[in-house]
Amino acid sequence: MKKLEGSDEADPEADASRAAKAVVAPLRKRRLSGELYVRDRRVEALIAELAALPRDELIGRAAITKRSDPGYVPSECLVHFIRASRHDNNEAWFERLYRILIERVLRSLPKSESSDGKTESLTRSVVRDKVFSRFVEMLSADRASYVDKLDYFEVRFDGAVASLRRDAQEQAWRDENRSQPLEYDEESGELSAEVETAAGADDPFDTSNVDDPFYRLRLDAAIDALPPEQIRIIHMLRQGFPIDSKEPDVMTIAKALGRSEKTIRTYRDKAFAALRVALADEEAR
């Protein structure tokens, strides 16, 4: 039979798409224009293909982490199967898929530890926790009642995770701005003599102290109480960023924050003094 112009006849991709639409329930979330969210047709076709596999084989495919691997299962598909598992009341199946998907989410987020594993960024840690908690919260709620916000994860998973990450970063920024700055002389820009004297000469990041988990908790709390700009400088220092560099291609704290080297060093010294005072006060209690 001759194929008619504009017809999907003899088009394997169109056949697969039609088959997928026949077995995959449409999404419910609507765009501002009123249109329903729609999965990529290749994703829907793959969902139909994967649904016909034995579950152990599907889990094996889902465990593949390299996107270039022909057997790789897009995260959009995993989200679909996890949400669909609520209908068969199989918690073991849900847990196996859930663990794989959560690992993907965590791999997509910046690590809180520095590359050498010696320091940790508090802000990154907070962002990771917020993204993880929000995603888990939505998945859990969807087990009981349809959560249309998860529809975006079936349409564009990476973009949806990036959106959660931006929200978490904005929240972390707002939390930082609630900190009250340490008072100092506005004209000289120096801490008071009393504060400097009380601060002493101990380095708050001395390795022997940082190895103590209780000390780290007190130090982290003291850092959180610093003014926002000082917190950012401390975080970057702990991540190994130099204050300044003669090499033009090196990212420095001064470049990142748009401040002079002298200003960064002044803020660093204020932060160190404030931390020493806070830690000394805590020990005296």
C-alpha atoms as a PDB file:
ATOM      1  CA  MET A   1       0.000   0.000   0.000  1.00  0.00           C
ATOM      2  CA  LYS A   2       1.322   3.397  -0.905  1.00  0.00           C
ATOM      3  CA  LYS A   3       2.117   5.607   2.035  1.00  0.00           C
ATOM      4  CA  LEU A   4      -0.030   8.742   2.084  1.00  0.00           C
ATOM      5  CA  GLU A   5       1.669  12.093   2.439  1.00  0.00           C
ATOM      6  CA  GLY A   6       1.657  13.182   6.068  1.00  0.00           C
ATOM      7  CA  SER A   7       0.787   9.669   7.272  1.00  0.00           C
ATOM      8  CA  ASP A   8       2.725   7.854  10.031  1.00  0.00           C
ATOM      9  CA  GLU A   9       2.324   4.533   8.200  1.00  0.00           C
ATOM     10  CA  ALA A  10       5.571   2.530   7.963  1.00  0.00           C
ATOM     11  CA  ASP A  11       7.230   4.984  10.372  1.00  0.00           C
ATOM     12  CA  PRO A  12       8.742   2.870  13.206  1.00  0.00           C
ATOM     13  CA  GLU A  13       9.270   5.871  15.472  1.00  0.00           C
ATOM     14  CA  ALA A  14       5.660   6.961  15.053  1.00  0.00           C
ATOM     15  CA  ASP A  15       4.462   3.400  15.694  1.00  0.00           C
ATOM     16  CA  ALA A  16       6.478   3.248  18.908  1.00  0.00           C
ATOM     17  CA  SER A  17       5.151   6.626  19.958  1.00  0.00           C
ATOM     18  CA  ARG A  18       1.546   5.543  19.399  1.00  0.00           C
ATOM     19  CA  ALA A  19       2.152   2.341  21.349  1.00  0.00           C
ATOM     20  CA  ALA A  20       3.646   4.279  24.232  1.00  0.00           C
ATOM     21  CA  LYS A  21       0.738   6.707  24.367  1.00  0.00           C
ATOM     22  CA  ALA A  22      -1.619   3.767  24.548  1.00  0.00           C
ATOM     23  CA  VAL A  23      -0.056   2.456  27.768  1.00  0.00           C
ATOM     24  CA  VAL A  24       1.467   5.530  29.436  1.00  0.00           C
ATOM     25  CA  ALA A  25      -0.964   7.770  31.285  1.00  0.00           C
ATOM     26  CA  PRO A  26      -0.715  11.432  30.304  1.00  0.00           C
ATOM     27  CA  LEU A  27       0.684  13.979  32.713  1.00  0.00           C
ATOM     28  CA  ARG A  28      -1.701  16.277  34.546  1.00  0.00           C
ATOM     29  CA  LYS A  29       0.234  19.482  35.212  1.00  0.00           C
ATOM     30  CA  ARG A  30      -0.642  22.391  32.942  1.00  0.00           C
ATOM     31  CA  ARG A  31       1.542  25.180  31.662  1.00  0.00           C
ATOM     32  CA  LEU A  32       0.565  28.823  32.106  1.00  0.00           C
ATOM     33  CA  SER A  33      -0.891  28.630  28.596  1.00  0.00           C
ATOM     34  CA  GLY A  34      -3.241  25.887  29.791  1.00  0.00           C
ATOM     35  CA  GLU A  35      -1.538  23.106  27.820  1.00  0.00           C
ATOM     36  CA  LEU A  36      -0.708  19.858  29.564  1.00  0.00           C
ATOM     37  CA  TYR A  37       2.906  18.927  30.143  1.00  0.00           C
ATOM     38  CA  VAL A  38       3.945  16.306  27.574  1.00  0.00           C
ATOM     39  CA  ARG A  39       6.844  13.851  27.759  1.00  0.00           C
ATOM     40  CA  ASP A  40       9.307  13.632  24.913  1.00  0.00           C
ATOM     41  CA  ARG A  41       7.908  11.029  22.500  1.00  0.00           C
ATOM     42  CA  ARG A  42      11.169   9.089  22.643  1.00  0.00           C
ATOM     43  CA  VAL A  43      10.816   8.891  26.432  1.00  0.00           C
ATOM     44  CA  GLU A  44       7.256   7.608  26.114  1.00  0.00           C
ATOM     45  CA  ALA A  45       8.327   5.035  23.541  1.00  0.00           C
ATOM     46  CA  LEU A  46      11.141   3.875  25.815  1.00  0.00           C
ATOM     47  CA  ILE A  47       8.770   3.643  28.800  1.00  0.00           C
ATOM     48  CA  ALA A  48       6.556   1.285  26.796  1.00  0.00           C
ATOM     49  CA  GLU A  49       9.599  -0.773  25.776  1.00  0.00           C
ATOM     50  CA  LEU A  50      10.961  -0.983  29.317  1.00  0.00           C
ATOM     51  CA  ALA A  51       7.574  -1.868  30.781  1.00  0.00           C
ATOM     52  CA  ALA A  52       7.668  -5.123  28.815  1.00  0.00           C
ATOM     53  CA  LEU A  53      10.988  -6.189  30.368  1.00  0.00           C
ATOM     54  CA  PRO A  54      11.327  -8.449  33.429  1.00  0.00           C
ATOM     55  CA  ARG A  55      11.839  -6.261  36.458  1.00  0.00           C
ATOM     56  CA  ASP A  56      15.323  -7.543  37.225  1.00  0.00           C
ATOM     57  CA  GLU A  57      16.377  -6.685  33.683  1.00  0.00           C
ATOM     58  CA  LEU A  58      14.889  -3.211  34.017  1.00  0.00           C
ATOM     59  CA  ILE A  59      16.769  -2.691  37.299  1.00  0.00           C
ATOM     60  CA  GLY A  60      19.976  -3.773  35.571  1.00  0.00           C
ATOM     61  CA  ARG A  61      19.386  -1.208  32.840  1.00  0.00           C
ATOM     62  CA  ALA A  62      18.506   1.476  35.380  1.00  0.00           C
ATOM     63  CA  ALA A  63      21.768   0.886  37.255  1.00  0.00           C
ATOM     64  CA  ILE A  64      23.810   1.968  34.207  1.00  0.00           C
ATOM     65  CA  THR A  65      25.310   5.378  34.977  1.00  0.00           C
ATOM     66  CA  LYS A  66      26.961   6.298  31.653  1.00  0.00           C
ATOM     67  CA  ARG A  67      24.544   8.241  29.478  1.00  0.00           C
ATOM     68  CA  SER A  68      26.464   7.205  26.375  1.00  0.00           C
ATOM     69  CA  ASP A  69      25.722   3.531  27.092  1.00  0.00           C
ATOM     70  CA  PRO A  70      23.045   2.182  24.682  1.00  0.00           C
ATOM     71  CA  GLY A  71      21.251   0.571  27.623  1.00  0.00           C
ATOM     72  CA  TYR A  72      21.098   3.753  29.723  1.00  0.00           C
ATOM     73  CA  VAL A  73      17.644   4.556  31.102  1.00  0.00           C
ATOM     74  CA  PRO A  74      16.873   8.296  31.249  1.00  0.00           C
ATOM     75  CA  SER A  75      15.899   9.593  34.665  1.00  0.00           C
ATOM     76  CA  GLU A  76      12.570  10.752  33.238  1.00  0.00           C
ATOM     77  CA  CYS A  77      11.684   7.070  32.765  1.00  0.00           C
ATOM     78  CA  LEU A  78      12.792   6.148  36.271  1.00  0.00           C
ATOM     79  CA  VAL A  79      10.557   8.838  37.754  1.00  0.00           C
ATOM     80  CA  HIS A  80       7.637   7.436  35.760  1.00  0.00           C
ATOM     81  CA  PHE A  81       8.179   3.859  36.968  1.00  0.00           C
ATOM     82  CA  ILE A  82       8.625   4.969  40.575  1.00  0.00           C
ATOM     83  CA  ARG A  83       5.362   6.919  40.464  1.00  0.00           C
ATOM     84  CA  ALA A  84       3.559   4.075  38.704  1.00  0.00           C
ATOM     85  CA  SER A  85       4.710   1.590  41.353  1.00  0.00           C
ATOM     86  CA  ARG A  86       2.170   2.997  43.803  1.00  0.00           C
ATOM     87  CA  HIS A  87      -0.546   1.155  41.887  1.00  0.00           C
ATOM     88  CA  ASP A  88       0.887  -2.341  42.396  1.00  0.00           C
ATOM     89  CA  ASN A  89       1.697  -1.793  46.088  1.00  0.00           C
ATOM     90  CA  ASN A  90       5.135  -3.385  45.703  1.00  0.00           C
ATOM     91  CA  GLU A  91       7.435  -1.612  48.166  1.00  0.00           C
ATOM     92  CA  ALA A  92      10.478  -3.738  47.272  1.00  0.00           C
ATOM     93  CA  TRP A  93      10.188  -2.687  43.622  1.00  0.00           C
ATOM     94  CA  PHE A  94       9.763   0.934  44.660  1.00  0.00           C
ATOM     95  CA  GLU A  95      12.825   0.832  46.940  1.00  0.00           C
ATOM     96  CA  ARG A  96      15.104  -0.611  44.245  1.00  0.00           C
ATOM     97  CA  LEU A  97      14.169   2.104  41.760  1.00  0.00           C
ATOM     98  CA  TYR A  98      14.182   4.785  44.459  1.00  0.00           C
ATOM     99  CA  ARG A  99      17.771   4.088  45.526  1.00  0.00           C
ATOM    100  CA  ILE A 100      19.006   4.336  41.934  1.00  0.00           C
ATOM    101  CA  LEU A 101      17.187   7.602  41.285  1.00  0.00           C
ATOM    102  CA  ILE A 102      18.306   9.209  44.554  1.00  0.00           C
ATOM    103  CA  GLU A 103      21.928   8.365  43.737  1.00  0.00           C
ATOM    104  CA  ARG A 104      21.498  10.172  40.426  1.00  0.00           C
ATOM    105  CA  VAL A 105      20.086  13.235  42.164  1.00  0.00           C
ATOM    106  CA  LEU A 106      22.982  13.361  44.623  1.00  0.00           C
ATOM    107  CA  ARG A 107      25.559  12.902  41.838  1.00  0.00           C
ATOM    108  CA  SER A 108      24.073  15.894  40.028  1.00  0.00           C
ATOM    109  CA  LEU A 109      24.646  18.197  43.014  1.00  0.00           C
ATOM    110  CA  PRO A 110      27.962  19.831  43.971  1.00  0.00           C
ATOM    111  CA  LYS A 111      29.798  17.923  46.689  1.00  0.00           C
ATOM    112  CA  SER A 112      30.118  19.664  50.037  1.00  0.00           C
ATOM    113  CA  GLU A 113      33.678  18.355  50.509  1.00  0.00           C
ATOM    114  CA  SER A 114      36.692  19.934  48.857  1.00  0.00           C
ATOM    115  CA  SER A 115      38.561  17.940  46.227  1.00  0.00           C
ATOM    116  CA  ASP A 116      41.182  16.891  48.807  1.00  0.00           C
ATOM    117  CA  GLY A 117      38.503  15.871  51.302  1.00  0.00           C
ATOM    118  CA  LYS A 118      40.000  18.077  54.030  1.00  0.00           C
ATOM    119  CA  THR A 119      37.386  20.839  54.163  1.00  0.00           C
ATOM    120  CA  GLU A 120      33.642  21.108  53.722  1.00  0.00           C
ATOM    121  CA  SER A 121      31.446  23.907  52.415  1.00  0.00           C
ATOM    122  CA  LEU A 122      28.560  24.560  54.774  1.00  0.00           C
ATOM    123  CA  THR A 123      26.552  26.282  52.060  1.00  0.00           C
ATOM    124  CA  ARG A 124      26.911  23.392  49.616  1.00  0.00           C
ATOM    125  CA  SER A 125      26.004  20.966  52.359  1.00  0.00           C
ATOM    126  CA  VAL A 126      22.851  22.949  53.131  1.00  0.00           C
ATOM    127  CA  VAL A 127      21.903  23.122  49.438  1.00  0.00           C
ATOM    128  CA  ARG A 128      22.402  19.358  49.003  1.00  0.00           C
ATOM    129  CA  ASP A 129      20.257  18.653  52.063  1.00  0.00           C
ATOM    130  CA  LYS A 130      17.483  20.990  50.917  1.00  0.00           C
ATOM    131  CA  VAL A 131      17.341  19.552  47.385  1.00  0.00           C
ATOM    132  CA  PHE A 132      17.444  15.974  48.676  1.00  0.00           C
ATOM    133  CA  SER A 133      14.744  16.630  51.285  1.00  0.00           C
ATOM    134  CA  ARG A 134      12.432  18.420  48.861  1.00  0.00           C
ATOM    135  CA  PHE A 135      12.699  15.715  46.199  1.00  0.00           C
ATOM    136  CA  VAL A 136      12.139  12.910  48.720  1.00  0.00           C
ATOM    137  CA  GLU A 137       9.197  14.841  50.150  1.00  0.00           C
ATOM    138  CA  MET A 138       7.540  15.055  46.721  1.00  0.00           C
ATOM    139  CA  LEU A 139       8.135  11.382  45.935  1.00  0.00           C
ATOM    140  CA  SER A 140       6.713  10.357  49.302  1.00  0.00           C
ATOM    141  CA  ALA A 141       3.632  12.550  48.913  1.00  0.00           C
ATOM    142  CA  ASP A 142       3.059  11.182  45.408  1.00  0.00           C
ATOM    143  CA  ARG A 143       2.726   7.688  46.869  1.00  0.00           C
ATOM    144  CA  ALA A 144      -0.488   8.808  48.569  1.00  0.00           C
ATOM    145  CA  SER A 145      -1.845  11.384  46.145  1.00  0.00           C
ATOM    146  CA  TYR A 146      -0.767  12.602  42.694  1.00  0.00           C
ATOM    147  CA  VAL A 147       1.783  15.441  42.957  1.00  0.00           C
ATOM    148  CA  ASP A 148       1.705  17.316  39.660  1.00  0.00           C
ATOM    149  CA  LYS A 149       4.974  19.113  40.439  1.00  0.00           C
ATOM    150  CA  LEU A 150       6.715  15.803  39.702  1.00  0.00           C
ATOM    151  CA  ASP A 151       5.408  15.947  36.125  1.00  0.00           C
ATOM    152  CA  TYR A 152       8.242  18.314  35.239  1.00  0.00           C
ATOM    153  CA  PHE A 153      10.715  15.588  36.296  1.00  0.00           C
ATOM    154  CA  GLU A 154       9.164  13.285  33.677  1.00  0.00           C
ATOM    155  CA  VAL A 155       9.507  16.003  31.025  1.00  0.00           C
ATOM    156  CA  ARG A 156      13.007  17.338  31.767  1.00  0.00           C
ATOM    157  CA  PHE A 157      14.631  15.775  34.801  1.00  0.00           C
ATOM    158  CA  ASP A 158      17.895  17.738  34.745  1.00  0.00           C
ATOM    159  CA  GLY A 159      16.045  21.032  34.467  1.00  0.00           C
ATOM    160  CA  ALA A 160      13.730  20.115  37.344  1.00  0.00           C
ATOM    161  CA  VAL A 161      16.654  19.235  39.634  1.00  0.00           C
ATOM    162  CA  ALA A 162      18.402  22.462  38.615  1.00  0.00           C
ATOM    163  CA  SER A 163      15.246  24.369  39.603  1.00  0.00           C
ATOM    164  CA  LEU A 164      15.261  22.724  43.052  1.00  0.00           C
ATOM    165  CA  ARG A 165      18.933  23.610  43.375  1.00  0.00           C
ATOM    166  CA  ARG A 166      18.289  27.275  42.540  1.00  0.00           C
ATOM    167  CA  ASP A 167      15.482  27.435  45.098  1.00  0.00           C
ATOM    168  CA  ALA A 168      17.757  25.886  47.735  1.00  0.00           C
ATOM    169  CA  GLN A 169      20.573  28.316  46.937  1.00  0.00           C
ATOM    170  CA  GLU A 170      18.205  31.290  47.216  1.00  0.00           C
ATOM    171  CA  GLN A 171      16.946  30.025  50.569  1.00  0.00           C
ATOM    172  CA  ALA A 172      20.504  29.545  51.806  1.00  0.00           C
ATOM    173  CA  TRP A 173      21.290  33.092  50.695  1.00  0.00           C
ATOM    174  CA  ARG A 174      18.280  34.469  52.596  1.00  0.00           C
ATOM    175  CA  ASP A 175      19.317  32.513  55.680  1.00  0.00           C
ATOM    176  CA  GLU A 176      22.826  33.950  55.468  1.00  0.00           C
ATOM    177  CA  ASN A 177      21.507  37.501  55.269  1.00  0.00           C
ATOM    178  CA  ARG A 178      19.756  37.091  58.601  1.00  0.00           C
ATOM    179  CA  SER A 179      23.148  37.064  60.322  1.00  0.00           C
ATOM    180  CA  GLN A 180      24.047  40.141  62.333  1.00  0.00           C
ATOM    181  CA  PRO A 181      27.509  41.618  61.646  1.00  0.00           C
ATOM    182  CA  LEU A 182      30.111  42.035  64.354  1.00  0.00           C
ATOM    183  CA  GLU A 183      30.362  45.701  65.343  1.00  0.00           C
ATOM    184  CA  TYR A 184      33.539  47.558  64.419  1.00  0.00           C
ATOM    185  CA  ASP A 185      34.785  51.083  63.818  1.00  0.00           C
ATOM    186  CA  GLU A 186      33.273  52.299  60.532  1.00  0.00           C
ATOM    187  CA  GLU A 187      35.957  54.940  60.003  1.00  0.00           C
ATOM    188  CA  SER A 188      39.043  52.816  60.570  1.00  0.00           C
ATOM    189  CA  GLY A 189      37.457  49.566  59.532  1.00  0.00           C
ATOM    190  CA  GLU A 190      39.195  47.901  62.467  1.00  0.00           C
ATOM    191  CA  LEU A 191      37.777  45.788  65.271  1.00  0.00           C
ATOM    192  CA  SER A 192      37.829  47.348  68.703  1.00  0.00           C
ATOM    193  CA  ALA A 193      40.932  46.860  70.824  1.00  0.00           C
ATOM    194  CA  GLU A 194      38.832  44.872  73.306  1.00  0.00           C
ATOM    195  CA  VAL A 195      37.737  42.431  70.628  1.00  0.00           C
ATOM    196  CA  GLU A 196      41.240  42.043  69.240  1.00  0.00           C
ATOM    197  CA  THR A 197      42.614  41.394  72.739  1.00  0.00           C
ATOM    198  CA  ALA A 198      39.885  38.890  73.535  1.00  0.00           C
ATOM    199  CA  ALA A 199      40.439  37.147  70.226  1.00  0.00           C
ATOM    200  CA  GLY A 200      43.917  35.994  71.156  1.00  0.00           C
ATOM    201  CA  ALA A 201      46.319  34.377  68.729  1.00  0.00           C
ATOM    202  CA  ASP A 202      44.789  30.907  68.282  1.00  0.00           C
ATOM    203  CA  ASP A 203      43.931  29.902  64.743  1.00  0.00           C
ATOM    204  CA  PRO A 204      40.250  28.733  64.676  1.00  0.00           C
ATOM    205  CA  PHE A 205      41.105  26.353  61.837  1.00  0.00           C
ATOM    206  CA  ASP A 206      44.054  24.744  63.614  1.00  0.00           C
ATOM    207  CA  THR A 207      44.141  21.115  62.448  1.00  0.00           C
ATOM    208  CA  SER A 208      44.394  19.661  65.948  1.00  0.00           C
ATOM    209  CA  ASN A 209      41.180  21.434  66.931  1.00  0.00           C
ATOM    210  CA  VAL A 210      39.238  20.787  63.727  1.00  0.00           C
ATOM    211  CA  ASP A 211      39.733  17.042  64.196  1.00  0.00           C
ATOM    212  CA  ASP A 212      37.512  17.289  67.295  1.00  0.00           C
ATOM    213  CA  PRO A 213      33.850  16.753  66.171  1.00  0.00           C
ATOM    214  CA  PHE A 214      32.504  18.870  69.047  1.00  0.00           C
ATOM    215  CA  TYR A 215      34.845  21.694  68.145  1.00  0.00           C
ATOM    216  CA  ARG A 216      33.704  21.461  64.509  1.00  0.00           C
ATOM    217  CA  LEU A 217      30.077  21.823  65.580  1.00  0.00           C
ATOM    218  CA  ARG A 218      30.896  24.961  67.578  1.00  0.00           C
ATOM    219  CA  LEU A 219      33.012  26.317  64.738  1.00  0.00           C
ATOM    220  CA  ASP A 220      30.262  25.734  62.164  1.00  0.00           C
ATOM    221  CA  ALA A 221      27.730  27.500  64.393  1.00  0.00           C
ATOM    222  CA  ALA A 222      30.117  30.439  64.849  1.00  0.00           C
ATOM    223  CA  ILE A 223      30.653  30.696  61.083  1.00  0.00           C
ATOM    224  CA  ASP A 224      26.894  30.755  60.496  1.00  0.00           C
ATOM    225  CA  ALA A 225      26.652  33.782  62.804  1.00  0.00           C
ATOM    226  CA  LEU A 226      29.127  35.844  60.750  1.00  0.00           C
ATOM    227  CA  PRO A 227      28.019  38.582  58.320  1.00  0.00           C
ATOM    228  CA  PRO A 228      27.192  37.181  54.835  1.00  0.00           C
ATOM    229  CA  GLU A 229      30.327  38.458  53.068  1.00  0.00           C
ATOM    230  CA  GLN A 230      32.599  37.056  55.761  1.00  0.00           C
ATOM    231  CA  ILE A 231      30.800  33.699  55.546  1.00  0.00           C
ATOM    232  CA  ARG A 232      31.396  33.561  51.796  1.00  0.00           C
ATOM    233  CA  ILE A 233      35.086  34.370  52.276  1.00  0.00           C
ATOM    234  CA  ILE A 234      35.473  31.680  54.944  1.00  0.00           C
ATOM    235  CA  HIS A 235      33.711  29.125  52.735  1.00  0.00           C
ATOM    236  CA  MET A 236      35.971  29.915  49.792  1.00  0.00           C
ATOM    237  CA  LEU A 237      39.083  29.764  51.947  1.00  0.00           C
ATOM    238  CA  ARG A 238      38.051  26.332  53.221  1.00  0.00           C
ATOM    239  CA  GLN A 239      37.504  25.203  49.647  1.00  0.00           C
ATOM    240  CA  GLY A 240      41.077  26.174  48.794  1.00  0.00           C
ATOM    241  CA  PHE A 241      40.474  29.361  46.790  1.00  0.00           C
ATOM    242  CA  PRO A 242      43.377  31.865  47.054  1.00  0.00           C
ATOM    243  CA  ILE A 243      42.634  35.445  48.066  1.00  0.00           C
ATOM    244  CA  ASP A 244      44.573  36.736  45.074  1.00  0.00           C
ATOM    245  CA  SER A 245      46.885  35.392  42.370  1.00  0.00           C
ATOM    246  CA  LYS A 246      49.299  36.709  39.790  1.00  0.00           C
ATOM    247  CA  GLU A 247      47.981  34.110  37.355  1.00  0.00           C
ATOM    248  CA  PRO A 248      45.149  35.704  35.320  1.00  0.00           C
ATOM    249  CA  ASP A 249      43.294  32.412  34.797  1.00  0.00           C
ATOM    250  CA  VAL A 250      43.133  31.485  38.484  1.00  0.00           C
ATOM    251  CA  MET A 251      39.790  32.084  40.158  1.00  0.00           C
ATOM    252  CA  THR A 252      40.373  33.992  43.377  1.00  0.00           C
ATOM    253  CA  ILE A 253      38.176  35.189  46.209  1.00  0.00           C
ATOM    254  CA  ALA A 254      38.833  38.794  45.225  1.00  0.00           C
ATOM    255  CA  LYS A 255      37.621  38.116  41.664  1.00  0.00           C
ATOM    256  CA  ALA A 256      34.633  36.061  42.735  1.00  0.00           C
ATOM    257  CA  LEU A 257      33.375  38.697  45.178  1.00  0.00           C
ATOM    258  CA  GLY A 258      34.444  41.747  43.173  1.00  0.00           C
ATOM    259  CA  ARG A 259      36.557  43.141  46.014  1.00  0.00           C
ATOM    260  CA  SER A 260      40.163  44.236  46.359  1.00  0.00           C
ATOM    261  CA  GLU A 261      42.754  41.923  47.870  1.00  0.00           C
ATOM    262  CA  LYS A 262      43.145  44.295  50.834  1.00  0.00           C
ATOM    263  CA  THR A 263      39.402  44.269  51.513  1.00  0.00           C
ATOM    264  CA  ILE A 264      39.239  40.487  51.377  1.00  0.00           C
ATOM    265  CA  ARG A 265      42.138  40.173  53.805  1.00  0.00           C
ATOM    266  CA  THR A 266      40.515  42.709  56.156  1.00  0.00           C
ATOM    267  CA  TYR A 267      37.230  40.787  56.115  1.00  0.00           C
ATOM    268  CA  ARG A 268      39.098  37.529  56.654  1.00  0.00           C
ATOM    269  CA  ASP A 269      40.889  38.958  59.680  1.00  0.00           C
ATOM    270  CA  LYS A 270      37.597  40.267  61.108  1.00  0.00           C
ATOM    271  CA  ALA A 271      36.014  36.857  60.574  1.00  0.00           C
ATOM    272  CA  PHE A 272      38.917  35.031  62.247  1.00  0.00           C
ATOM    273  CA  ALA A 273      38.804  37.420  65.213  1.00  0.00           C
ATOM    274  CA  ALA A 274      35.032  36.992  65.564  1.00  0.00           C
ATOM    275  CA  LEU A 275      35.344  33.208  65.404  1.00  0.00           C
ATOM    276  CA  ARG A 276      38.034  33.172  68.082  1.00  0.00           C
ATOM    277  CA  VAL A 277      35.874  35.320  70.348  1.00  0.00           C
ATOM    278  CA  ALA A 278      32.777  33.138  69.772  1.00  0.00           C
ATOM    279  CA  LEU A 279      34.715  29.930  70.422  1.00  0.00           C
ATOM    280  CA  ALA A 280      36.329  31.374  73.559  1.00  0.00           C
ATOM    281  CA  ASP A 281      32.914  32.464  74.855  1.00  0.00           C
ATOM    282  CA  GLU A 282      31.493  29.006  74.170  1.00  0.00           C
ATOM    283  CA  GLU A 283      34.318  27.304  76.091  1.00  0.00           C
ATOM    284  CA  ALA A 284      33.863  29.687  79.035  1.00  0.00           C
ATOM    285  CA  ARG A 285      30.173  28.694  79.467  1.00  0.00           C
END
